[in-house]
Amino acid sequence: MAALVLRPGCRLDGPALYRHVEQLLPPYARPRFLRLQERLEMTETFKQQKVRLAQEGFDPARVPDPLFLLDEAAKAYVPLGPALWEAVLDGRLRI
């Protein structure tokens, strides 16, 4: 998972981000999940608070931030809603 902060007034373009990531990263390094945040939370020594993010995971019912999933078939990052979440848990959608 990768946490992103968008510039004010911008929105996530799932297909464009997919193309960008596809060009720059090998398949094993591409983030399968994205989490959009208002700001990145930092420690007192200016390190990202990754442990809390990892503990929260990617359950859309638990995470208040918008989540996106890398959809190889659609060649885009798509919003992760309850239906996709269930498909991931059931193994119908491989990540």
Protein backbone atom coordinates (compact mmCIF):
# COMPACT_ATOMS: atom_id res chain seq x y z
CA MET A 1 0.00 0.00 0.00
CA ALA A 2 1.06 3.55 -0.64
CA ALA A 3 -0.32 6.63 1.12
CA LEU A 4 -0.77 9.68 -1.10
CA VAL A 5 -1.58 13.32 -0.51
CA LEU A 6 -3.02 15.10 -3.53
CA ARG A 7 -2.51 18.77 -4.23
CA PRO A 8 -5.51 20.93 -3.35
CA GLY A 9 -8.09 20.84 -6.11
CA CYS A 10 -6.66 17.70 -7.72
CA ARG A 11 -8.25 14.29 -7.96
CA LEU A 12 -6.81 10.84 -8.56
CA ASP A 13 -6.76 9.78 -12.22
CA GLY A 14 -6.69 5.98 -11.87
CA PRO A 15 -5.77 5.09 -15.48
CA ALA A 16 -3.05 7.76 -15.71
CA LEU A 17 -1.51 6.73 -12.40
CA TYR A 18 -1.58 3.09 -13.53
CA ARG A 19 0.32 3.99 -16.73
CA HIS A 20 2.86 6.01 -14.73
CA VAL A 21 3.46 3.23 -12.23
CA GLU A 22 3.61 0.63 -15.01
CA GLN A 23 6.39 2.57 -16.75
CA LEU A 24 8.47 3.16 -13.63
CA LEU A 25 8.09 0.06 -11.47
CA PRO A 26 8.39 -3.67 -12.06
CA PRO A 27 5.18 -5.62 -11.35
CA TYR A 28 6.28 -6.83 -7.91
CA ALA A 29 6.96 -3.25 -6.73
CA ARG A 30 3.67 -1.66 -7.83
CA PRO A 31 1.44 -0.72 -4.90
CA ARG A 32 -1.69 -2.87 -4.94
CA PHE A 33 -3.56 -0.46 -2.68
CA LEU A 34 -3.57 3.34 -2.43
CA ARG A 35 -4.80 5.40 0.50
CA LEU A 36 -5.56 9.08 -0.07
CA GLN A 37 -4.92 11.26 2.95
CA GLU A 38 -5.33 14.95 3.74
CA ARG A 39 -1.78 14.99 5.12
CA LEU A 40 0.91 12.50 6.04
CA GLU A 41 1.24 12.03 9.77
CA MET A 42 4.81 12.36 11.02
CA THR A 43 6.70 11.54 14.18
CA GLU A 44 8.63 14.13 16.17
CA THR A 45 11.70 13.26 14.08
CA PHE A 46 9.82 13.77 10.78
CA LYS A 47 9.39 10.11 9.90
CA GLN A 48 6.14 8.78 8.46
CA GLN A 49 3.84 6.94 10.87
CA LYS A 50 3.78 3.73 8.84
CA VAL A 51 3.09 1.35 11.73
CA ARG A 52 -0.37 2.81 12.39
CA LEU A 53 -1.23 2.69 8.69
CA ALA A 54 -0.13 -0.94 8.47
CA GLN A 55 -2.17 -1.86 11.55
CA GLU A 56 -5.31 -0.29 10.08
CA GLY A 57 -4.87 -2.27 6.87
CA PHE A 58 -7.13 -1.78 3.86
CA ASP A 59 -10.60 -2.66 5.10
CA PRO A 60 -12.90 0.11 3.74
CA ALA A 61 -15.13 -0.29 6.80
CA ARG A 62 -12.22 0.51 9.16
CA VAL A 63 -10.26 3.07 7.18
CA PRO A 64 -11.79 6.55 6.96
CA ASP A 65 -9.64 7.60 3.98
CA PRO A 66 -10.49 6.81 0.34
CA LEU A 67 -8.90 3.55 -0.78
CA PHE A 68 -8.05 2.40 -4.30
CA LEU A 69 -7.11 -0.99 -5.71
CA LEU A 70 -4.77 -1.77 -8.60
CA ASP A 71 -7.03 -3.42 -11.20
CA GLU A 72 -4.81 -5.10 -13.80
CA ALA A 73 -7.76 -5.96 -16.06
CA ALA A 74 -8.98 -2.35 -16.18
CA LYS A 75 -5.40 -1.00 -16.23
CA ALA A 76 -6.34 1.54 -13.58
CA TYR A 77 -6.54 2.21 -9.88
CA VAL A 78 -10.22 1.83 -8.99
CA PRO A 79 -12.08 2.79 -5.78
CA LEU A 80 -12.05 -0.03 -3.23
CA GLY A 81 -15.62 -0.46 -2.09
CA PRO A 82 -17.40 -3.25 -0.20
CA ALA A 83 -17.92 -5.42 -3.31
CA LEU A 84 -14.25 -5.38 -4.30
CA TRP A 85 -13.22 -5.85 -0.67
CA GLU A 86 -15.36 -9.01 -0.46
CA ALA A 87 -13.93 -10.27 -3.76
CA VAL A 88 -10.39 -9.86 -2.39
CA LEU A 89 -11.29 -11.66 0.86
CA ASP A 90 -13.06 -14.50 -0.97
CA GLY A 91 -10.16 -14.96 -3.38
CA ARG A 92 -12.33 -14.15 -6.40
CA LEU A 93 -10.06 -11.18 -7.09
CA ARG A 94 -6.36 -11.93 -6.94
CA ILE A 95 -4.02 -9.15 -5.94
